[in-house]
Amino acid sequence: MTERMELYVGVAVALMFLAGCFLVIVRVRERFEERRRQGGWAVARPPATRRKQAIYEPKWKSRTNS
């Protein structure tokens, strides 16, 4: 095999590797979006601001002590 052929093979292998990486990223993103649409783990948690507010709210200001 000549040097020019080795260069072509190297470029072809590099392009196939980059295409594979791209396809993996696209597939992982699709799965994440599908999981989010179906009400997966990302939707089940309450927003972070509500959790912090409930933890640091004084007892005299809470809704349970009226």
PDB file of N, CA and C in Angstrom:
ATOM      1  N   MET A   1       0.843  -1.174   0.000  1.00  0.00           N
ATOM      2  CA  MET A   1       0.000   0.000   0.000  1.00  0.00           C
ATOM      3  C   MET A   1       0.893   1.244   0.000  1.00  0.00           C
ATOM      4  N   THR A   2       0.533   2.194  -0.811  1.00  0.00           N
ATOM      5  CA  THR A   2       1.335   3.409  -0.909  1.00  0.00           C
ATOM      6  C   THR A   2       0.969   4.384   0.202  1.00  0.00           C
ATOM      7  N   GLU A   3       1.780   5.423   0.338  1.00  0.00           N
ATOM      8  CA  GLU A   3       1.517   6.437   1.374  1.00  0.00           C
ATOM      9  C   GLU A   3       0.205   7.158   1.110  1.00  0.00           C
ATOM     10  N   ARG A   4      -0.098   7.389  -0.145  1.00  0.00           N
ATOM     11  CA  ARG A   4      -1.341   8.086  -0.488  1.00  0.00           C
ATOM     12  C   ARG A   4      -2.557   7.228  -0.130  1.00  0.00           C
ATOM     13  N   MET A   5      -2.475   5.933  -0.365  1.00  0.00           N
ATOM     14  CA  MET A   5      -3.574   5.027  -0.001  1.00  0.00           C
ATOM     15  C   MET A   5      -3.756   4.997   1.510  1.00  0.00           C
ATOM     16  N   GLU A   6      -2.646   4.971   2.259  1.00  0.00           N
ATOM     17  CA  GLU A   6      -2.733   4.976   3.721  1.00  0.00           C
ATOM     18  C   GLU A   6      -3.390   6.253   4.219  1.00  0.00           C
ATOM     19  N   LEU A   7      -3.096   7.368   3.575  1.00  0.00           N
ATOM     20  CA  LEU A   7      -3.722   8.636   3.940  1.00  0.00           C
ATOM     21  C   LEU A   7      -5.229   8.577   3.705  1.00  0.00           C
ATOM     22  N   TYR A   8      -5.644   8.039   2.568  1.00  0.00           N
ATOM     23  CA  TYR A   8      -7.074   7.916   2.277  1.00  0.00           C
ATOM     24  C   TYR A   8      -7.770   7.008   3.289  1.00  0.00           C
ATOM     25  N   VAL A   9      -7.137   5.908   3.627  1.00  0.00           N
ATOM     26  CA  VAL A   9      -7.729   4.990   4.610  1.00  0.00           C
ATOM     27  C   VAL A   9      -7.828   5.681   5.971  1.00  0.00           C
ATOM     28  N   GLY A  10      -6.796   6.412   6.334  1.00  0.00           N
ATOM     29  CA  GLY A  10      -6.820   7.131   7.610  1.00  0.00           C
ATOM     30  C   GLY A  10      -7.921   8.169   7.670  1.00  0.00           C
ATOM     31  N   VAL A  11      -8.095   8.915   6.585  1.00  0.00           N
ATOM     32  CA  VAL A  11      -9.170   9.918   6.524  1.00  0.00           C
ATOM     33  C   VAL A  11     -10.531   9.238   6.589  1.00  0.00           C
ATOM     34  N   ALA A  12     -10.689   8.128   5.882  1.00  0.00           N
ATOM     35  CA  ALA A  12     -11.974   7.412   5.886  1.00  0.00           C
ATOM     36  C   ALA A  12     -12.291   6.882   7.285  1.00  0.00           C
ATOM     37  N   VAL A  13     -11.300   6.324   7.974  1.00  0.00           N
ATOM     38  CA  VAL A  13     -11.519   5.802   9.321  1.00  0.00           C
ATOM     39  C   VAL A  13     -11.865   6.939  10.282  1.00  0.00           C
ATOM     40  N   ALA A  14     -11.177   8.067  10.166  1.00  0.00           N
ATOM     41  CA  ALA A  14     -11.460   9.218  11.030  1.00  0.00           C
ATOM     42  C   ALA A  14     -12.880   9.732  10.809  1.00  0.00           C
ATOM     43  N   LEU A  15     -13.313   9.807   9.545  1.00  0.00           N
ATOM     44  CA  LEU A  15     -14.669  10.265   9.255  1.00  0.00           C
ATOM     45  C   LEU A  15     -15.721   9.291   9.777  1.00  0.00           C
ATOM     46  N   MET A  16     -15.459   8.001   9.658  1.00  0.00           N
ATOM     47  CA  MET A  16     -16.412   7.016  10.196  1.00  0.00           C
ATOM     48  C   MET A  16     -16.488   7.122  11.720  1.00  0.00           C
ATOM     49  N   PHE A  17     -15.361   7.352  12.372  1.00  0.00           N
ATOM     50  CA  PHE A  17     -15.361   7.511  13.825  1.00  0.00           C
ATOM     51  C   PHE A  17     -16.184   8.725  14.240  1.00  0.00           C
ATOM     52  N   LEU A  18     -15.979   9.858  13.568  1.00  0.00           N
ATOM     53  CA  LEU A  18     -16.742  11.070  13.889  1.00  0.00           C
ATOM     54  C   LEU A  18     -18.238  10.878  13.621  1.00  0.00           C
ATOM     55  N   ALA A  19     -18.570  10.188  12.542  1.00  0.00           N
ATOM     56  CA  ALA A  19     -19.984   9.916  12.250  1.00  0.00           C
ATOM     57  C   ALA A  19     -20.591   9.027  13.331  1.00  0.00           C
ATOM     58  N   GLY A  20     -19.851   8.051  13.815  1.00  0.00           N
ATOM     59  CA  GLY A  20     -20.338   7.188  14.891  1.00  0.00           C
ATOM     60  C   GLY A  20     -20.572   7.957  16.172  1.00  0.00           C
ATOM     61  N   CYS A  21     -19.648   8.845  16.514  1.00  0.00           N
ATOM     62  CA  CYS A  21     -19.827   9.686  17.707  1.00  0.00           C
ATOM     63  C   CYS A  21     -21.075  10.547  17.579  1.00  0.00           C
ATOM     64  N   PHE A  22     -21.276  11.120  16.402  1.00  0.00           N
ATOM     65  CA  PHE A  22     -22.451  11.950  16.163  1.00  0.00           C
ATOM     66  C   PHE A  22     -23.738  11.144  16.322  1.00  0.00           C
ATOM     67  N   LEU A  23     -23.772   9.945  15.776  1.00  0.00           N
ATOM     68  CA  LEU A  23     -24.967   9.116  15.873  1.00  0.00           C
ATOM     69  C   LEU A  23     -25.255   8.703  17.318  1.00  0.00           C
ATOM     70  N   VAL A  24     -24.227   8.423  18.096  1.00  0.00           N
ATOM     71  CA  VAL A  24     -24.423   8.068  19.506  1.00  0.00           C
ATOM     72  C   VAL A  24     -25.006   9.253  20.265  1.00  0.00           C
ATOM     73  N   ILE A  25     -24.489  10.447  20.019  1.00  0.00           N
ATOM     74  CA  ILE A  25     -25.000  11.641  20.708  1.00  0.00           C
ATOM     75  C   ILE A  25     -26.457  11.898  20.339  1.00  0.00           C
ATOM     76  N   VAL A  26     -26.799  11.746  19.068  1.00  0.00           N
ATOM     77  CA  VAL A  26     -28.181  11.959  18.633  1.00  0.00           C
ATOM     78  C   VAL A  26     -29.109  10.934  19.282  1.00  0.00           C
ATOM     79  N   ARG A  27     -28.690   9.690  19.357  1.00  0.00           N
ATOM     80  CA  ARG A  27     -29.535   8.637  19.945  1.00  0.00           C
ATOM     81  C   ARG A  27     -29.744   8.854  21.441  1.00  0.00           C
ATOM     82  N   VAL A  28     -28.704   9.248  22.149  1.00  0.00           N
ATOM     83  CA  VAL A  28     -28.838   9.506  23.585  1.00  0.00           C
ATOM     84  C   VAL A  28     -29.772  10.687  23.815  1.00  0.00           C
ATOM     85  N   ARG A  29     -29.671  11.702  22.988  1.00  0.00           N
ATOM     86  CA  ARG A  29     -30.556  12.869  23.122  1.00  0.00           C
ATOM     87  C   ARG A  29     -32.012  12.484  22.861  1.00  0.00           C
ATOM     88  N   GLU A  30     -32.252  11.630  21.850  1.00  0.00           N
ATOM     89  CA  GLU A  30     -33.618  11.179  21.561  1.00  0.00           C
ATOM     90  C   GLU A  30     -34.198  10.399  22.730  1.00  0.00           C
ATOM     91  N   ARG A  31     -33.387   9.524  23.337  1.00  0.00           N
ATOM     92  CA  ARG A  31     -33.873   8.754  24.489  1.00  0.00           C
ATOM     93  C   ARG A  31     -34.207   9.661  25.657  1.00  0.00           C
ATOM     94  N   PHE A  32     -33.376  10.681  25.890  1.00  0.00           N
ATOM     95  CA  PHE A  32     -33.636  11.619  26.977  1.00  0.00           C
ATOM     96  C   PHE A  32     -34.944  12.361  26.739  1.00  0.00           C
ATOM     97  N   GLU A  33     -35.154  12.851  25.516  1.00  0.00           N
ATOM     98  CA  GLU A  33     -36.400  13.554  25.197  1.00  0.00           C
ATOM     99  C   GLU A  33     -37.610  12.633  25.337  1.00  0.00           C
ATOM    100  N   GLU A  34     -37.478  11.378  24.908  1.00  0.00           N
ATOM    101  CA  GLU A  34     -38.579  10.428  25.021  1.00  0.00           C
ATOM    102  C   GLU A  34     -38.922  10.167  26.485  1.00  0.00           C
ATOM    103  N   ARG A  35     -37.902  10.000  27.304  1.00  0.00           N
ATOM    104  CA  ARG A  35     -38.109   9.763  28.728  1.00  0.00           C
ATOM    105  C   ARG A  35     -38.777  10.974  29.385  1.00  0.00           C
ATOM    106  N   ARG A  36     -38.383  12.173  28.964  1.00  0.00           N
ATOM    107  CA  ARG A  36     -38.968  13.386  29.540  1.00  0.00           C
ATOM    108  C   ARG A  36     -40.428  13.529  29.129  1.00  0.00           C
ATOM    109  N   ARG A  37     -40.753  13.171  27.878  1.00  0.00           N
ATOM    110  CA  ARG A  37     -42.149  13.252  27.414  1.00  0.00           C
ATOM    111  C   ARG A  37     -43.045  12.257  28.135  1.00  0.00           C
ATOM    112  N   GLN A  38     -42.512  11.101  28.499  1.00  0.00           N
ATOM    113  CA  GLN A  38     -43.316  10.063  29.138  1.00  0.00           C
ATOM    114  C   GLN A  38     -43.438  10.274  30.641  1.00  0.00           C
ATOM    115  N   GLY A  39     -42.897  11.341  31.157  1.00  0.00           N
ATOM    116  CA  GLY A  39     -42.998  11.593  32.588  1.00  0.00           C
ATOM    117  C   GLY A  39     -42.016  10.771  33.379  1.00  0.00           C
ATOM    118  N   GLY A  40     -40.784  10.743  32.925  1.00  0.00           N
ATOM    119  CA  GLY A  40     -39.752   9.956  33.594  1.00  0.00           C
ATOM    120  C   GLY A  40     -39.230  10.631  34.848  1.00  0.00           C
ATOM    121  N   TRP A  41     -38.010  10.298  35.211  1.00  0.00           N
ATOM    122  CA  TRP A  41     -37.416  10.758  36.456  1.00  0.00           C
ATOM    123  C   TRP A  41     -37.246  12.259  36.520  1.00  0.00           C
ATOM    124  N   ALA A  42     -37.059  12.940  35.395  1.00  0.00           N
ATOM    125  CA  ALA A  42     -36.807  14.380  35.419  1.00  0.00           C
ATOM    126  C   ALA A  42     -38.050  15.150  35.860  1.00  0.00           C
ATOM    127  N   VAL A  43     -39.229  14.619  35.588  1.00  0.00           N
ATOM    128  CA  VAL A  43     -40.459  15.324  35.923  1.00  0.00           C
ATOM    129  C   VAL A  43     -40.912  14.990  37.344  1.00  0.00           C
ATOM    130  N   ALA A  44     -40.480  13.884  37.898  1.00  0.00           N
ATOM    131  CA  ALA A  44     -40.983  13.421  39.180  1.00  0.00           C
ATOM    132  C   ALA A  44     -40.501  14.267  40.361  1.00  0.00           C
ATOM    133  N   ARG A  45     -39.381  14.949  40.229  1.00  0.00           N
ATOM    134  CA  ARG A  45     -38.843  15.743  41.335  1.00  0.00           C
ATOM    135  C   ARG A  45     -39.480  17.123  41.402  1.00  0.00           C
ATOM    136  N   PRO A  46     -39.733  17.638  42.601  1.00  0.00           N
ATOM    137  CA  PRO A  46     -40.247  19.009  42.707  1.00  0.00           C
ATOM    138  C   PRO A  46     -39.136  19.997  42.379  1.00  0.00           C
ATOM    139  N   PRO A  47     -39.490  21.219  42.011  1.00  0.00           N
ATOM    140  CA  PRO A  47     -38.467  22.217  41.705  1.00  0.00           C
ATOM    141  C   PRO A  47     -37.568  22.482  42.911  1.00  0.00           C
ATOM    142  N   ALA A  48     -36.336  22.822  42.668  1.00  0.00           N
ATOM    143  CA  ALA A  48     -35.358  23.027  43.738  1.00  0.00           C
ATOM    144  C   ALA A  48     -35.742  24.194  44.636  1.00  0.00           C
ATOM    145  N   THR A  49     -36.366  25.229  44.095  1.00  0.00           N
ATOM    146  CA  THR A  49     -36.710  26.399  44.911  1.00  0.00           C
ATOM    147  C   THR A  49     -37.747  26.031  45.969  1.00  0.00           C
ATOM    148  N   ARG A  50     -38.693  25.192  45.639  1.00  0.00           N
ATOM    149  CA  ARG A  50     -39.702  24.802  46.633  1.00  0.00           C
ATOM    150  C   ARG A  50     -39.092  23.977  47.754  1.00  0.00           C
ATOM    151  N   ARG A  51     -38.166  23.081  47.415  1.00  0.00           N
ATOM    152  CA  ARG A  51     -37.533  22.264  48.445  1.00  0.00           C
ATOM    153  C   ARG A  51     -36.734  23.142  49.401  1.00  0.00           C
ATOM    154  N   LYS A  52     -35.967  24.090  48.886  1.00  0.00           N
ATOM    155  CA  LYS A  52     -35.173  24.964  49.735  1.00  0.00           C
ATOM    156  C   LYS A  52     -36.072  25.843  50.605  1.00  0.00           C
ATOM    157  N   GLN A  53     -37.146  26.341  50.028  1.00  0.00           N
ATOM    158  CA  GLN A  53     -38.054  27.200  50.769  1.00  0.00           C
ATOM    159  C   GLN A  53     -38.685  26.428  51.931  1.00  0.00           C
ATOM    160  N   ALA A  54     -39.063  25.191  51.712  1.00  0.00           N
ATOM    161  CA  ALA A  54     -39.679  24.387  52.767  1.00  0.00           C
ATOM    162  C   ALA A  54     -38.680  24.079  53.878  1.00  0.00           C
ATOM    163  N   ILE A  55     -37.416  23.907  53.548  1.00  0.00           N
ATOM    164  CA  ILE A  55     -36.415  23.576  54.552  1.00  0.00           C
ATOM    165  C   ILE A  55     -36.078  24.786  55.407  1.00  0.00           C
ATOM    166  N   TYR A  56     -35.918  25.948  54.797  1.00  0.00           N
ATOM    167  CA  TYR A  56     -35.446  27.126  55.520  1.00  0.00           C
ATOM    168  C   TYR A  56     -36.553  28.048  55.999  1.00  0.00           C
ATOM    169  N   GLU A  57     -37.792  27.705  55.809  1.00  0.00           N
ATOM    170  CA  GLU A  57     -38.894  28.555  56.252  1.00  0.00           C
ATOM    171  C   GLU A  57     -39.081  28.423  57.757  1.00  0.00           C
ATOM    172  N   PRO A  58     -39.172  29.538  58.497  1.00  0.00           N
ATOM    173  CA  PRO A  58     -39.371  29.461  59.955  1.00  0.00           C
ATOM    174  C   PRO A  58     -40.710  28.811  60.294  1.00  0.00           C
ATOM    175  N   LYS A  59     -40.777  28.185  61.478  1.00  0.00           N
ATOM    176  CA  LYS A  59     -42.001  27.477  61.870  1.00  0.00           C
ATOM    177  C   LYS A  59     -43.174  28.437  62.039  1.00  0.00           C
ATOM    178  N   TRP A  60     -42.924  29.642  62.549  1.00  0.00           N
ATOM    179  CA  TRP A  60     -44.039  30.565  62.756  1.00  0.00           C
ATOM    180  C   TRP A  60     -44.619  31.044  61.446  1.00  0.00           C
ATOM    181  N   LYS A  61     -43.868  30.888  60.354  1.00  0.00           N
ATOM    182  CA  LYS A  61     -44.323  31.351  59.059  1.00  0.00           C
ATOM    183  C   LYS A  61     -44.923  30.212  58.225  1.00  0.00           C
ATOM    184  N   SER A  62     -44.866  28.986  58.734  1.00  0.00           N
ATOM    185  CA  SER A  62     -45.352  27.869  57.920  1.00  0.00           C
ATOM    186  C   SER A  62     -46.863  27.843  57.862  1.00  0.00           C
ATOM    187  N   ARG A  63     -47.401  27.165  56.888  1.00  0.00           N
ATOM    188  CA  ARG A  63     -48.852  27.114  56.688  1.00  0.00           C
ATOM    189  C   ARG A  63     -49.541  26.195  57.691  1.00  0.00           C
ATOM    190  N   THR A  64     -48.817  25.259  58.251  1.00  0.00           N
ATOM    191  CA  THR A  64     -49.442  24.307  59.166  1.00  0.00           C
ATOM    192  C   THR A  64     -49.736  24.946  60.516  1.00  0.00           C
ATOM    193  N   ASN A  65     -48.944  25.924  60.933  1.00  0.00           N
ATOM    194  CA  ASN A  65     -49.185  26.610  62.213  1.00  0.00           C
ATOM    195  C   ASN A  65     -49.975  27.879  61.949  1.00  0.00           C
ATOM    196  N   SER A  66     -51.302  27.828  61.962  1.00  0.00           N
ATOM    197  CA  SER A  66     -52.098  29.022  61.686  1.00  0.00           C
ATOM    198  C   SER A  66     -52.578  29.678  62.953  1.00  0.00           C
TER     199      SER A  66
END
